Amino acid sequence: MEEVKKAVAIADKDKKLATLKELMGTLVAAKDFTGLIALVKAMVDENSTIVSRPILSDFVTAVKGIKDDDSFQKKLIEKSLDFLQAQGTVFEEQISSLRYIFAKIFVKEEDYLKAATILQEIPLEGGRLYPVPFKVKVYVKIAQLYLQEEKSLEAEKFLNKAAQLVNKKGVKPKDRLRYQSSFVQIRDYNRKFSEAASGYYRLAQLVTSEESRIDALECGIRCAVLAPAGPQRSRLLALYYKDERSKKISNYPILEKMFLGRILRPDEVKIFESSLEDHQLAKNSDGVTLLEQAIREHNLVAASKVYNNISFEQLGVLLGVSTDDAEKMASTMITQDRLAGTVDQMKQLLFFKAENANTIEDWDAHIEHVCSSVNGLIDQITAKHPQWVAANVK
């Protein structure tokens, strides 16, 4: 392009810079693809980095500012990178910035794997010294992109890299929050549902928007339901049940029944199942889904609050499994201290042990819930009838 050749030929560096900047503005405004690529190529061939680097930095800013034309922006970045990579060490900063913009275009197109691949081409562990906040931002972004495709192993790899830097000075709070969110999601994908449920609840206290809080609580309730039955899950269920915001969640009914130790019906389980993510519908080595396993364990614990003892034949009918599987499940849970009881194999009976400590804890939880509900009602009455409350409530 003739205008580019004339600008590059100017001997005075200051005048050359000013002319090239003005020319770039004109080419960007006109969306002149050929002219802009000619300018990039000229800067790659330019002998003086005093001229080429600032012009290419301005080019990156100009490309970032292109709005409402992803196709043009994408084509421009792709062709520019072809030329710039020939001088990768000289223009590493500009190349990395273009790659970050390039990845964002693919995110908009929902091609998350392509976006993650592009971001991985930024040499964060070699080459120039990148600021720690930028490294954390990119590592966490790559992890989030892999999680979008439910590739938790790949996501965990990059989140582990971020873990070494996330608490260092300069890292933005929003990037720390994204790290925590991704960390919890990976626990979810890895079927560590107790840890995930606990993490989602902490996340619900940290996020700022109401929508994000509800989303975190919804994810947490799903994980709490899927967690192995036992004292830890009981604490998680109590945590979510006593949070007033949980009443806004569609899965609140199943949370309530599990917290209160009631046996769940197949139709209730079916409704809950429709809310699960793909990875939560997976089967274990026995061919049983994670949900089926969780519900059977819950119903077994619920049965322990109703019966003093039960035959394995009856238990199998209750749980929807064979007599042998019912005995195996009960024995496993007793061995793991997730169920208080003993097995009489001769009589084919399961004897449940009374757990006074747990009973007291349950009563405490129920009393606390009632008190919390009463306080909530008083607050509502006070808001509408403050004078009556002042005169009648002490």
Protein backbone atom coordinates (compact mmCIF):
# COMPACT_ATOMS: atom_id res chain seq x y z
CA MET A 1 0.00 0.00 0.00
CA GLU A 2 1.44 3.35 -1.12
CA GLU A 3 0.51 5.38 2.02
CA VAL A 4 2.28 2.84 4.24
CA LYS A 5 5.41 2.89 2.08
CA LYS A 6 5.56 6.70 2.23
CA ALA A 7 5.13 6.76 6.02
CA VAL A 8 7.81 4.10 6.56
CA ALA A 9 10.22 6.00 4.32
CA ILE A 10 10.17 9.15 6.53
CA ALA A 11 13.63 9.67 8.01
CA ASP A 12 12.70 11.71 11.08
CA LYS A 13 11.56 9.23 13.78
CA ASP A 14 9.16 11.59 15.56
CA LYS A 15 7.48 12.60 12.32
CA LYS A 16 7.44 8.96 11.23
CA LEU A 17 5.67 7.87 14.44
CA ALA A 18 3.11 10.66 14.18
CA THR A 19 2.39 9.86 10.52
CA LEU A 20 2.05 6.13 11.15
CA LYS A 21 -0.31 6.69 14.08
CA GLU A 22 -2.49 9.00 12.03
CA LEU A 23 -2.50 6.53 9.15
CA MET A 24 -3.49 3.68 11.44
CA GLY A 25 -6.45 5.67 12.75
CA THR A 26 -7.62 6.27 9.19
CA LEU A 27 -7.24 2.60 8.21
CA VAL A 28 -9.07 1.33 11.31
CA ALA A 29 -11.93 3.78 10.81
CA ALA A 30 -12.26 2.61 7.19
CA LYS A 31 -11.86 -1.05 8.21
CA ASP A 32 -9.19 -1.31 5.52
CA PHE A 33 -7.98 -4.88 6.03
CA THR A 34 -5.33 -4.76 3.27
CA GLY A 35 -3.90 -1.46 4.53
CA LEU A 36 -3.74 -2.58 8.16
CA ILE A 37 -2.00 -5.85 7.29
CA ALA A 38 0.47 -3.92 5.13
CA LEU A 39 1.17 -1.68 8.13
CA VAL A 40 1.75 -4.66 10.43
CA LYS A 41 4.07 -6.29 7.91
CA ALA A 42 6.00 -3.03 7.55
CA MET A 43 6.45 -2.81 11.34
CA VAL A 44 7.74 -6.40 11.47
CA ASP A 45 10.34 -5.45 8.83
CA GLU A 46 11.13 -2.11 10.53
CA ASN A 47 14.72 -1.91 11.78
CA SER A 48 13.97 0.34 14.77
CA THR A 49 11.89 -1.07 17.63
CA ILE A 50 11.57 2.52 18.87
CA VAL A 51 9.11 2.92 16.01
CA SER A 52 7.66 -0.57 15.57
CA ARG A 53 6.78 -1.43 19.18
CA PRO A 54 4.68 1.66 19.97
CA ILE A 55 2.92 1.45 16.60
CA LEU A 56 2.09 -2.22 17.12
CA SER A 57 0.94 -1.50 20.68
CA ASP A 58 -1.40 1.14 19.24
CA PHE A 59 -2.51 -1.46 16.68
CA VAL A 60 -3.44 -3.87 19.49
CA THR A 61 -5.46 -1.11 21.22
CA ALA A 62 -7.19 -0.32 17.93
CA VAL A 63 -8.05 -3.98 17.33
CA LYS A 64 -9.42 -4.31 20.86
CA GLY A 65 -11.63 -1.29 20.22
CA ILE A 66 -13.31 -2.76 17.13
CA LYS A 67 -16.97 -3.25 18.03
CA ASP A 68 -19.85 -5.08 16.37
CA ASP A 69 -17.70 -6.74 13.72
CA ASP A 70 -16.23 -9.94 15.17
CA SER A 71 -15.61 -11.37 11.71
CA PHE A 72 -13.35 -8.46 10.69
CA GLN A 73 -11.62 -8.43 14.07
CA LYS A 74 -11.01 -12.18 13.95
CA LYS A 75 -9.64 -12.11 10.40
CA LEU A 76 -7.38 -9.15 11.21
CA ILE A 77 -5.90 -10.79 14.33
CA GLU A 78 -5.35 -14.12 12.60
CA LYS A 79 -3.44 -12.57 9.67
CA SER A 80 -1.49 -10.20 11.94
CA LEU A 81 -0.29 -13.08 14.11
CA ASP A 82 1.01 -14.87 11.02
CA PHE A 83 3.43 -11.99 10.41
CA LEU A 84 4.20 -11.08 14.04
CA GLN A 85 5.23 -14.60 15.04
CA ALA A 86 8.23 -14.31 12.75
CA GLN A 87 9.57 -11.85 15.35
CA GLY A 88 8.04 -13.55 18.38
CA THR A 89 10.67 -12.56 20.93
CA VAL A 90 10.69 -8.90 19.81
CA PHE A 91 6.91 -8.44 19.83
CA GLU A 92 5.93 -10.96 22.51
CA GLU A 93 3.84 -8.45 24.49
CA GLN A 94 1.81 -7.42 21.44
CA ILE A 95 1.36 -11.05 20.32
CA SER A 96 0.14 -12.10 23.77
CA SER A 97 -2.35 -9.22 23.89
CA LEU A 98 -3.70 -10.14 20.45
CA ARG A 99 -4.07 -13.77 21.52
CA TYR A 100 -6.08 -12.72 24.57
CA ILE A 101 -8.44 -10.68 22.37
CA PHE A 102 -8.55 -13.56 19.86
CA ALA A 103 -9.59 -16.01 22.61
CA LYS A 104 -12.42 -13.71 23.71
CA ILE A 105 -13.90 -13.86 20.19
CA PHE A 106 -14.03 -17.67 20.36
CA VAL A 107 -15.63 -17.45 23.82
CA LYS A 108 -18.41 -15.34 22.28
CA GLU A 109 -18.79 -18.05 19.63
CA GLU A 110 -18.92 -20.65 22.46
CA ASP A 111 -15.88 -22.46 21.06
CA TYR A 112 -14.35 -22.81 24.52
CA LEU A 113 -11.70 -25.40 23.64
CA LYS A 114 -10.33 -23.22 20.83
CA ALA A 115 -10.23 -20.23 23.19
CA ALA A 116 -8.37 -22.28 25.81
CA THR A 117 -5.85 -23.47 23.20
CA ILE A 118 -5.14 -19.90 22.09
CA LEU A 119 -4.58 -18.69 25.66
CA GLN A 120 -2.16 -21.56 26.28
CA GLU A 121 0.04 -20.16 23.49
CA ILE A 122 0.85 -17.16 25.71
CA PRO A 123 4.30 -18.11 27.12
CA LEU A 124 3.59 -17.35 30.79
CA GLU A 125 6.35 -19.64 32.06
CA GLY A 126 9.07 -18.47 29.70
CA GLY A 127 10.09 -15.48 27.65
CA ARG A 128 9.35 -12.04 29.09
CA LEU A 129 8.45 -11.61 32.75
CA TYR A 130 4.67 -11.31 32.93
CA PRO A 131 3.05 -9.65 35.99
CA VAL A 132 1.63 -12.10 38.53
CA PRO A 133 -1.94 -10.70 38.27
CA PHE A 134 -1.92 -11.30 34.49
CA LYS A 135 -0.68 -14.88 34.95
CA VAL A 136 -3.43 -15.62 37.48
CA LYS A 137 -6.04 -14.06 35.19
CA VAL A 138 -4.99 -16.23 32.23
CA TYR A 139 -4.56 -19.47 34.20
CA VAL A 140 -7.99 -19.10 35.80
CA LYS A 141 -9.57 -18.18 32.46
CA ILE A 142 -8.15 -21.32 30.83
CA ALA A 143 -9.49 -23.41 33.73
CA GLN A 144 -12.94 -21.84 33.36
CA LEU A 145 -12.98 -22.56 29.64
CA TYR A 146 -12.15 -26.22 30.19
CA LEU A 147 -14.86 -26.43 32.85
CA GLN A 148 -17.36 -25.12 30.30
CA GLU A 149 -16.63 -28.32 28.36
CA GLU A 150 -16.63 -30.42 31.57
CA LYS A 151 -12.92 -31.23 31.17
CA SER A 152 -12.05 -31.09 34.86
CA LEU A 153 -8.61 -32.75 34.59
CA GLU A 154 -7.34 -30.10 32.14
CA ALA A 155 -8.95 -27.35 34.22
CA GLU A 156 -7.32 -28.60 37.42
CA LYS A 157 -3.88 -28.50 35.79
CA PHE A 158 -4.12 -24.75 35.16
CA LEU A 159 -5.89 -24.00 38.42
CA ASN A 160 -2.96 -25.63 40.26
CA LYS A 161 -0.66 -23.17 38.49
CA ALA A 162 -2.86 -20.29 39.61
CA ALA A 163 -2.92 -21.64 43.18
CA GLN A 164 0.78 -20.82 43.60
CA LEU A 165 0.17 -17.16 42.74
CA VAL A 166 -3.42 -16.28 43.62
CA ASN A 167 -2.66 -14.92 47.11
CA LYS A 168 0.21 -12.71 45.98
CA LYS A 169 0.05 -8.92 46.04
CA GLY A 170 -1.70 -7.23 43.12
CA VAL A 171 -4.11 -10.04 42.19
CA LYS A 172 -7.58 -8.55 41.75
CA PRO A 173 -10.36 -9.70 44.10
CA LYS A 174 -12.54 -10.69 41.13
CA ASP A 175 -9.80 -13.03 39.86
CA ARG A 176 -9.44 -14.56 43.33
CA LEU A 177 -13.20 -15.10 43.36
CA ARG A 178 -13.08 -16.73 39.92
CA TYR A 179 -10.30 -18.98 41.19
CA GLN A 180 -12.39 -20.03 44.20
CA SER A 181 -15.40 -20.64 41.98
CA SER A 182 -13.37 -22.82 39.59
CA PHE A 183 -11.80 -24.69 42.52
CA VAL A 184 -15.25 -25.58 43.86
CA GLN A 185 -16.50 -26.60 40.42
CA ILE A 186 -13.56 -28.99 40.01
CA ARG A 187 -14.45 -30.64 43.33
CA ASP A 188 -17.97 -31.01 41.95
CA TYR A 189 -16.78 -32.55 38.66
CA ASN A 190 -14.43 -34.87 40.56
CA ARG A 191 -17.42 -36.15 42.57
CA LYS A 192 -16.10 -34.77 45.86
CA PHE A 193 -19.61 -33.62 46.64
CA SER A 194 -19.15 -32.92 50.36
CA GLU A 195 -16.20 -30.60 49.68
CA ALA A 196 -18.05 -29.00 46.76
CA ALA A 197 -21.20 -28.37 48.82
CA SER A 198 -19.15 -26.70 51.54
CA GLY A 199 -17.28 -24.63 48.94
CA TYR A 200 -20.45 -23.50 47.15
CA TYR A 201 -21.88 -22.29 50.45
CA ARG A 202 -18.76 -20.20 51.17
CA LEU A 203 -18.96 -18.88 47.61
CA ALA A 204 -22.57 -17.79 48.20
CA GLN A 205 -21.30 -15.54 51.00
CA LEU A 206 -18.61 -13.96 48.79
CA VAL A 207 -20.34 -13.17 45.50
CA THR A 208 -21.99 -9.77 45.23
CA SER A 209 -25.04 -10.26 43.01
CA GLU A 210 -28.20 -11.96 44.29
CA GLU A 211 -28.38 -14.08 41.14
CA SER A 212 -24.86 -15.42 41.73
CA ARG A 213 -25.70 -16.20 45.37
CA ILE A 214 -28.78 -18.18 44.37
CA ASP A 215 -26.78 -20.01 41.66
CA ALA A 216 -24.11 -20.98 44.23
CA LEU A 217 -26.75 -22.18 46.71
CA GLU A 218 -28.50 -24.19 43.98
CA CYS A 219 -25.23 -25.92 43.01
CA GLY A 220 -24.43 -26.51 46.67
CA ILE A 221 -27.79 -28.12 47.44
CA ARG A 222 -27.35 -30.52 44.52
CA CYS A 223 -23.93 -31.52 45.85
CA ALA A 224 -25.20 -31.85 49.43
CA VAL A 225 -27.90 -34.26 48.25
CA LEU A 226 -25.37 -36.30 46.26
CA ALA A 227 -22.81 -36.41 49.10
CA PRO A 228 -22.31 -39.72 50.96
CA ALA A 229 -24.79 -40.16 53.82
CA GLY A 230 -23.30 -39.58 57.25
CA PRO A 231 -22.56 -36.89 59.85
CA GLN A 232 -20.77 -34.61 57.39
CA ARG A 233 -23.68 -34.56 54.97
CA SER A 234 -26.11 -34.00 57.86
CA ARG A 235 -24.16 -30.86 58.80
CA LEU A 236 -24.22 -29.66 55.18
CA LEU A 237 -27.96 -30.27 54.87
CA ALA A 238 -28.53 -28.32 58.10
CA LEU A 239 -26.37 -25.47 56.81
CA TYR A 240 -28.40 -25.08 53.63
CA TYR A 241 -31.77 -25.79 55.25
CA LYS A 242 -31.31 -23.06 57.86
CA ASP A 243 -30.35 -20.49 55.21
CA GLU A 244 -33.56 -18.59 54.38
CA ARG A 245 -32.36 -18.01 50.80
CA SER A 246 -32.58 -21.75 50.13
CA LYS A 247 -36.38 -21.46 50.06
CA LYS A 248 -36.02 -19.72 46.69
CA ILE A 249 -34.36 -22.82 45.19
CA SER A 250 -36.50 -25.26 43.21
CA ASN A 251 -34.85 -28.22 44.99
CA TYR A 252 -35.77 -26.92 48.45
CA PRO A 253 -38.48 -29.63 48.99
CA ILE A 254 -35.97 -32.48 48.65
CA LEU A 255 -33.48 -30.59 50.84
CA GLU A 256 -36.15 -30.23 53.53
CA LYS A 257 -37.12 -33.93 53.47
CA MET A 258 -33.49 -35.03 53.61
CA PHE A 259 -32.74 -32.69 56.50
CA LEU A 260 -35.78 -33.91 58.43
CA GLY A 261 -34.76 -37.53 57.78
CA ARG A 262 -37.81 -38.52 55.75
CA ILE A 263 -37.82 -41.31 53.18
CA LEU A 264 -37.85 -39.99 49.60
CA ARG A 265 -40.37 -41.20 47.04
CA PRO A 266 -39.37 -42.12 43.44
CA ASP A 267 -41.40 -39.24 41.94
CA GLU A 268 -39.56 -36.71 44.15
CA VAL A 269 -36.22 -38.19 43.13
CA LYS A 270 -37.21 -38.00 39.45
CA ILE A 271 -37.91 -34.25 39.73
CA PHE A 272 -34.55 -33.68 41.41
CA GLU A 273 -32.76 -35.80 38.80
CA SER A 274 -33.95 -33.46 36.02
CA SER A 275 -31.95 -30.61 37.61
CA LEU A 276 -28.60 -32.44 37.65
CA GLU A 277 -25.62 -31.73 35.38
CA ASP A 278 -24.31 -34.43 33.02
CA HIS A 279 -21.36 -35.35 35.25
CA GLN A 280 -23.72 -35.78 38.21
CA LEU A 281 -25.69 -38.39 36.27
CA ALA A 282 -22.66 -40.65 35.90
CA LYS A 283 -22.63 -44.27 37.10
CA ASN A 284 -20.19 -45.89 39.51
CA SER A 285 -18.39 -49.19 38.93
CA ASP A 286 -21.50 -51.14 39.98
CA GLY A 287 -23.58 -49.53 37.26
CA VAL A 288 -25.56 -47.50 39.80
CA THR A 289 -25.95 -43.76 39.24
CA LEU A 290 -24.51 -41.35 41.80
CA LEU A 291 -28.02 -40.16 42.58
CA GLU A 292 -29.38 -43.67 43.10
CA GLN A 293 -26.53 -44.40 45.50
CA ALA A 294 -27.09 -41.17 47.44
CA ILE A 295 -30.86 -41.71 47.72
CA ARG A 296 -30.50 -45.33 48.82
CA GLU A 297 -28.01 -44.32 51.53
CA HIS A 298 -30.30 -41.51 52.66
CA ASN A 299 -33.36 -43.78 52.82
CA LEU A 300 -31.35 -46.29 54.83
CA VAL A 301 -30.42 -43.59 57.37
CA ALA A 302 -34.05 -42.37 57.36
CA ALA A 303 -35.21 -45.93 58.06
CA SER A 304 -32.92 -46.05 61.11
CA LYS A 305 -35.00 -43.26 62.65
CA VAL A 306 -38.24 -45.18 62.14
CA TYR A 307 -37.29 -48.82 62.88
CA ASN A 308 -35.42 -50.49 65.72
CA ASN A 309 -34.54 -53.33 63.37
CA ILE A 310 -35.42 -54.50 59.88
CA SER A 311 -34.84 -57.63 57.83
CA PHE A 312 -32.59 -57.34 54.81
CA GLU A 313 -35.45 -58.58 52.65
CA GLN A 314 -37.67 -55.70 53.82
CA LEU A 315 -34.77 -53.26 53.56
CA GLY A 316 -34.16 -54.37 49.97
CA VAL A 317 -37.78 -53.63 49.09
CA LEU A 318 -37.55 -50.23 50.79
CA LEU A 319 -34.36 -49.29 48.95
CA GLY A 320 -35.31 -50.92 45.64
CA VAL A 321 -32.34 -53.34 45.68
CA SER A 322 -31.73 -57.04 46.22
CA THR A 323 -31.45 -58.54 49.71
CA ASP A 324 -27.70 -59.08 49.26
CA ASP A 325 -27.15 -55.51 48.07
CA ALA A 326 -29.13 -54.16 51.04
CA GLU A 327 -26.93 -56.12 53.44
CA LYS A 328 -23.77 -55.01 51.66
CA MET A 329 -24.78 -51.36 51.75
CA ALA A 330 -25.68 -51.46 55.44
CA SER A 331 -22.44 -53.24 56.35
CA THR A 332 -20.34 -50.76 54.37
CA MET A 333 -21.99 -47.73 55.98
CA ILE A 334 -21.62 -49.21 59.47
CA THR A 335 -17.92 -49.94 58.82
CA GLN A 336 -17.40 -46.34 57.61
CA ASP A 337 -19.17 -44.93 60.72
CA ARG A 338 -21.90 -43.46 58.55
CA LEU A 339 -24.64 -45.61 60.10
CA ALA A 340 -25.03 -46.68 63.74
CA GLY A 341 -26.09 -50.31 63.86
CA THR A 342 -25.14 -53.99 63.87
CA VAL A 343 -25.73 -56.85 61.45
CA ASP A 344 -27.05 -60.28 62.48
CA GLN A 345 -26.25 -62.44 59.49
CA MET A 346 -27.77 -65.57 60.99
CA LYS A 347 -31.18 -63.92 61.41
CA GLN A 348 -30.69 -61.69 58.36
CA LEU A 349 -31.52 -58.62 60.45
CA LEU A 350 -30.14 -55.11 60.72
CA PHE A 351 -30.34 -53.59 64.20
CA PHE A 352 -30.18 -49.83 64.52
CA LYS A 353 -28.51 -48.17 67.50
CA ALA A 354 -30.05 -45.12 69.15
CA GLU A 355 -27.80 -42.10 68.78
CA ASN A 356 -28.59 -39.77 71.65
CA ALA A 357 -25.98 -37.23 70.64
CA ASN A 358 -27.40 -36.97 67.17
CA THR A 359 -30.95 -36.78 68.53
CA ILE A 360 -29.97 -33.81 70.68
CA GLU A 361 -28.29 -32.18 67.70
CA ASP A 362 -31.44 -32.75 65.63
CA TRP A 363 -33.62 -31.21 68.35
CA ASP A 364 -31.24 -28.24 68.58
CA ALA A 365 -31.42 -27.75 64.82
CA HIS A 366 -35.23 -27.94 64.84
CA ILE A 367 -35.49 -25.50 67.75
CA GLU A 368 -33.07 -23.11 66.06
CA HIS A 369 -35.11 -23.27 62.86
CA VAL A 370 -38.37 -22.53 64.73
CA CYS A 371 -36.78 -19.62 66.61
CA SER A 372 -35.37 -18.24 63.36
CA SER A 373 -38.82 -18.46 61.73
CA VAL A 374 -40.47 -16.72 64.72
CA ASN A 375 -37.87 -13.95 64.63
CA GLY A 376 -38.52 -13.54 60.92
CA LEU A 377 -42.25 -13.15 61.55
CA ILE A 378 -41.63 -10.62 64.33
CA ASP A 379 -39.42 -8.59 61.99
CA GLN A 380 -42.17 -8.54 59.35
CA ILE A 381 -44.81 -7.51 61.93
CA THR A 382 -42.51 -4.83 63.33
CA ALA A 383 -42.02 -3.36 59.88
CA LYS A 384 -45.80 -3.02 59.36
CA HIS A 385 -47.02 -2.36 62.94
CA PRO A 386 -44.12 -0.90 65.00
CA GLN A 387 -46.37 0.73 67.61
CA TRP A 388 -48.30 -2.47 68.35
CA VAL A 389 -45.04 -4.45 68.71
CA ALA A 390 -43.59 -1.81 71.06
CA ALA A 391 -46.68 -2.05 73.26
CA ASN A 392 -47.16 -5.83 73.26
CA VAL A 393 -43.83 -7.57 72.61
CA LYS A 394 -41.13 -7.49 75.24
